[in-house]
């Protein structure tokens, strides 16, 4: 692994810790309860995609959360920059993560296949 890749992974790890801290300081219950599942940096450290767990939210709540996150995005970026002593924090893009839903769906499919194999024996 190159040194640049190590630095990028370090920034991703730091953001994964700092973003929930910044969200916990807000007074909005929906935002305080958000779970950051992953952070992926692009273009060096200039852009970062923040993946959030959506398992507890409906589609209408998700759209409300996107609106609220767009309003507090600069605060979160400033919080991260201040905590780490960075001159500039990455531009954050928030996305809800579908990975857990896909994994659960795959698990159900594998269980169906296993039941089908066991019943035919």
C-alpha atoms as a PDB file:
ATOM      1  CA  UNK A   1       0.000   0.000   0.000  1.00  0.00           C
ATOM      2  CA  UNK A   2       1.348   3.400  -0.960  1.00  0.00           C
ATOM      3  CA  UNK A   3       1.910   6.155   1.579  1.00  0.00           C
ATOM      4  CA  UNK A   4      -0.755   8.248  -0.144  1.00  0.00           C
ATOM      5  CA  UNK A   5      -3.273   5.424   0.288  1.00  0.00           C
ATOM      6  CA  UNK A   6      -2.383   5.139   3.969  1.00  0.00           C
ATOM      7  CA  UNK A   7      -2.973   8.880   4.459  1.00  0.00           C
ATOM      8  CA  UNK A   8      -6.316   8.637   2.658  1.00  0.00           C
ATOM      9  CA  UNK A   9      -7.433   5.718   4.843  1.00  0.00           C
ATOM     10  CA  UNK A  10      -6.366   7.658   7.919  1.00  0.00           C
ATOM     11  CA  UNK A  11      -8.468  10.665   6.880  1.00  0.00           C
ATOM     12  CA  UNK A  12     -11.441   8.380   6.221  1.00  0.00           C
ATOM     13  CA  UNK A  13     -11.039   6.839   9.665  1.00  0.00           C
ATOM     14  CA  UNK A  14     -10.786  10.227  11.355  1.00  0.00           C
ATOM     15  CA  UNK A  15     -13.897  11.491   9.563  1.00  0.00           C
ATOM     16  CA  UNK A  16     -15.755   8.325  10.545  1.00  0.00           C
ATOM     17  CA  UNK A  17     -15.120   9.256  14.192  1.00  0.00           C
ATOM     18  CA  UNK A  18     -15.573  13.032  13.970  1.00  0.00           C
ATOM     19  CA  UNK A  19     -18.822  13.205  11.992  1.00  0.00           C
ATOM     20  CA  UNK A  20     -20.878  11.327  14.634  1.00  0.00           C
ATOM     21  CA  UNK A  21     -19.342  13.591  17.289  1.00  0.00           C
ATOM     22  CA  UNK A  22     -20.402  16.670  15.323  1.00  0.00           C
ATOM     23  CA  UNK A  23     -23.901  15.238  14.816  1.00  0.00           C
ATOM     24  CA  UNK A  24     -24.214  14.475  18.531  1.00  0.00           C
ATOM     25  CA  UNK A  25     -23.726  18.157  19.356  1.00  0.00           C
ATOM     26  CA  UNK A  26     -26.758  19.162  17.318  1.00  0.00           C
ATOM     27  CA  UNK A  27     -30.181  19.568  18.909  1.00  0.00           C
ATOM     28  CA  UNK A  28     -32.075  17.610  16.256  1.00  0.00           C
ATOM     29  CA  UNK A  29     -33.058  14.091  17.373  1.00  0.00           C
ATOM     30  CA  UNK A  30     -33.036  12.671  13.836  1.00  0.00           C
ATOM     31  CA  UNK A  31     -29.503  13.877  13.178  1.00  0.00           C
ATOM     32  CA  UNK A  32     -28.146  12.927  16.591  1.00  0.00           C
ATOM     33  CA  UNK A  33     -29.281   9.335  16.057  1.00  0.00           C
ATOM     34  CA  UNK A  34     -27.642   8.865  12.655  1.00  0.00           C
ATOM     35  CA  UNK A  35     -25.111   6.054  12.378  1.00  0.00           C
ATOM     36  CA  UNK A  36     -22.132   6.572  10.044  1.00  0.00           C
ATOM     37  CA  UNK A  37     -21.365   3.236   8.393  1.00  0.00           C
ATOM     38  CA  UNK A  38     -18.511   4.322   6.135  1.00  0.00           C
ATOM     39  CA  UNK A  39     -16.609   7.283   4.732  1.00  0.00           C
ATOM     40  CA  UNK A  40     -14.935   7.194   1.317  1.00  0.00           C
ATOM     41  CA  UNK A  41     -12.623  10.022   0.232  1.00  0.00           C
ATOM     42  CA  UNK A  42     -12.112  11.053  -3.389  1.00  0.00           C
ATOM     43  CA  UNK A  43      -9.745  13.471  -5.128  1.00  0.00           C
ATOM     44  CA  UNK A  44      -7.176  13.188  -2.402  1.00  0.00           C
ATOM     45  CA  UNK A  45      -8.919  14.642   0.597  1.00  0.00           C
ATOM     46  CA  UNK A  46     -11.126  17.194  -1.130  1.00  0.00           C
ATOM     47  CA  UNK A  47     -14.366  15.193  -1.351  1.00  0.00           C
ATOM     48  CA  UNK A  48     -15.805  12.588   0.985  1.00  0.00           C
ATOM     49  CA  UNK A  49     -18.925  10.463   0.706  1.00  0.00           C
ATOM     50  CA  UNK A  50     -20.454   9.736   4.094  1.00  0.00           C
ATOM     51  CA  UNK A  51     -22.624   6.617   4.193  1.00  0.00           C
ATOM     52  CA  UNK A  52     -25.385   6.511   6.797  1.00  0.00           C
ATOM     53  CA  UNK A  53     -27.455   3.600   8.060  1.00  0.00           C
ATOM     54  CA  UNK A  54     -31.064   3.919   6.912  1.00  0.00           C
ATOM     55  CA  UNK A  55     -32.541   0.839   8.547  1.00  0.00           C
ATOM     56  CA  UNK A  56     -34.714   2.805  11.017  1.00  0.00           C
ATOM     57  CA  UNK A  57     -36.082   5.446   8.655  1.00  0.00           C
ATOM     58  CA  UNK A  58     -38.956   5.667   6.180  1.00  0.00           C
ATOM     59  CA  UNK A  59     -38.581   7.337   2.787  1.00  0.00           C
ATOM     60  CA  UNK A  60     -40.207  10.566   3.998  1.00  0.00           C
ATOM     61  CA  UNK A  61     -37.885  10.687   7.009  1.00  0.00           C
ATOM     62  CA  UNK A  62     -34.897  10.132   4.737  1.00  0.00           C
ATOM     63  CA  UNK A  63     -35.842  13.119   2.590  1.00  0.00           C
ATOM     64  CA  UNK A  64     -36.231  15.243   5.743  1.00  0.00           C
ATOM     65  CA  UNK A  65     -32.825  14.106   6.955  1.00  0.00           C
ATOM     66  CA  UNK A  66     -31.214  15.004   3.615  1.00  0.00           C
ATOM     67  CA  UNK A  67     -32.667  18.512   3.924  1.00  0.00           C
ATOM     68  CA  UNK A  68     -31.409  18.892   7.470  1.00  0.00           C
ATOM     69  CA  UNK A  69     -27.968  17.533   6.580  1.00  0.00           C
ATOM     70  CA  UNK A  70     -27.610  20.028   3.745  1.00  0.00           C
ATOM     71  CA  UNK A  71     -28.252  22.815   6.257  1.00  0.00           C
ATOM     72  CA  UNK A  72     -25.664  21.602   8.806  1.00  0.00           C
ATOM     73  CA  UNK A  73     -23.054  20.357   6.336  1.00  0.00           C
ATOM     74  CA  UNK A  74     -20.811  23.425   6.726  1.00  0.00           C
ATOM     75  CA  UNK A  75     -20.999  23.123  10.515  1.00  0.00           C
ATOM     76  CA  UNK A  76     -19.875  19.491  10.341  1.00  0.00           C
ATOM     77  CA  UNK A  77     -17.027  20.369   7.956  1.00  0.00           C
ATOM     78  CA  UNK A  78     -15.883  23.201  10.242  1.00  0.00           C
ATOM     79  CA  UNK A  79     -16.107  20.918  13.265  1.00  0.00           C
ATOM     80  CA  UNK A  80     -13.900  18.298  11.594  1.00  0.00           C
ATOM     81  CA  UNK A  81     -11.367  20.903  10.438  1.00  0.00           C
ATOM     82  CA  UNK A  82     -11.189  22.487  13.883  1.00  0.00           C
ATOM     83  CA  UNK A  83     -10.831  19.187  15.750  1.00  0.00           C
ATOM     84  CA  UNK A  84      -8.013  17.959  13.515  1.00  0.00           C
ATOM     85  CA  UNK A  85      -6.336  21.298  12.884  1.00  0.00           C
ATOM     86  CA  UNK A  86      -6.920  21.073   9.160  1.00  0.00           C
ATOM     87  CA  UNK A  87      -6.942  24.201   7.038  1.00  0.00           C
ATOM     88  CA  UNK A  88      -9.793  22.762   5.003  1.00  0.00           C
ATOM     89  CA  UNK A  89     -12.081  19.809   5.601  1.00  0.00           C
ATOM     90  CA  UNK A  90     -13.350  17.651   2.744  1.00  0.00           C
ATOM     91  CA  UNK A  91     -16.590  18.575   0.998  1.00  0.00           C
ATOM     92  CA  UNK A  92     -19.071  16.113   2.469  1.00  0.00           C
ATOM     93  CA  UNK A  93     -21.734  14.288   0.492  1.00  0.00           C
ATOM     94  CA  UNK A  94     -24.236  12.267   2.500  1.00  0.00           C
ATOM     95  CA  UNK A  95     -25.749   9.036   1.216  1.00  0.00           C
ATOM     96  CA  UNK A  96     -27.836   6.339   2.829  1.00  0.00           C
ATOM     97  CA  UNK A  97     -26.253   2.903   2.720  1.00  0.00           C
ATOM     98  CA  UNK A  98     -28.206   0.030   1.145  1.00  0.00           C
ATOM     99  CA  UNK A  99     -25.536  -2.561   1.892  1.00  0.00           C
ATOM    100  CA  UNK A 100     -27.200  -3.981   4.999  1.00  0.00           C
ATOM    101  CA  UNK A 101     -30.515  -4.435   3.169  1.00  0.00           C
ATOM    102  CA  UNK A 102     -28.747  -6.198   0.295  1.00  0.00           C
ATOM    103  CA  UNK A 103     -26.883  -8.476   2.703  1.00  0.00           C
ATOM    104  CA  UNK A 104     -30.122  -9.391   4.475  1.00  0.00           C
ATOM    105  CA  UNK A 105     -31.789 -10.124   1.135  1.00  0.00           C
ATOM    106  CA  UNK A 106     -28.879 -12.335   0.091  1.00  0.00           C
ATOM    107  CA  UNK A 107     -29.027 -14.186   3.426  1.00  0.00           C
ATOM    108  CA  UNK A 108     -32.741 -14.882   2.905  1.00  0.00           C
ATOM    109  CA  UNK A 109     -32.047 -16.184  -0.614  1.00  0.00           C
ATOM    110  CA  UNK A 110     -29.281 -18.483   0.630  1.00  0.00           C
ATOM    111  CA  UNK A 111     -31.596 -19.833   3.353  1.00  0.00           C
ATOM    112  CA  UNK A 112     -34.267 -20.578   0.717  1.00  0.00           C
ATOM    113  CA  UNK A 113     -31.691 -22.371  -1.420  1.00  0.00           C
ATOM    114  CA  UNK A 114     -30.459 -24.342   1.590  1.00  0.00           C
ATOM    115  CA  UNK A 115     -34.023 -25.374   2.492  1.00  0.00           C
ATOM    116  CA  UNK A 116     -34.598 -26.469  -1.114  1.00  0.00           C
ATOM    117  CA  UNK A 117     -31.431 -28.580  -1.086  1.00  0.00           C
ATOM    118  CA  UNK A 118     -32.256 -30.155   2.278  1.00  0.00           C
ATOM    119  CA  UNK A 119     -35.825 -31.014   1.260  1.00  0.00           C
ATOM    120  CA  UNK A 120     -34.672 -32.748  -1.940  1.00  0.00           C
ATOM    121  CA  UNK A 121     -32.264 -35.053  -0.085  1.00  0.00           C
END
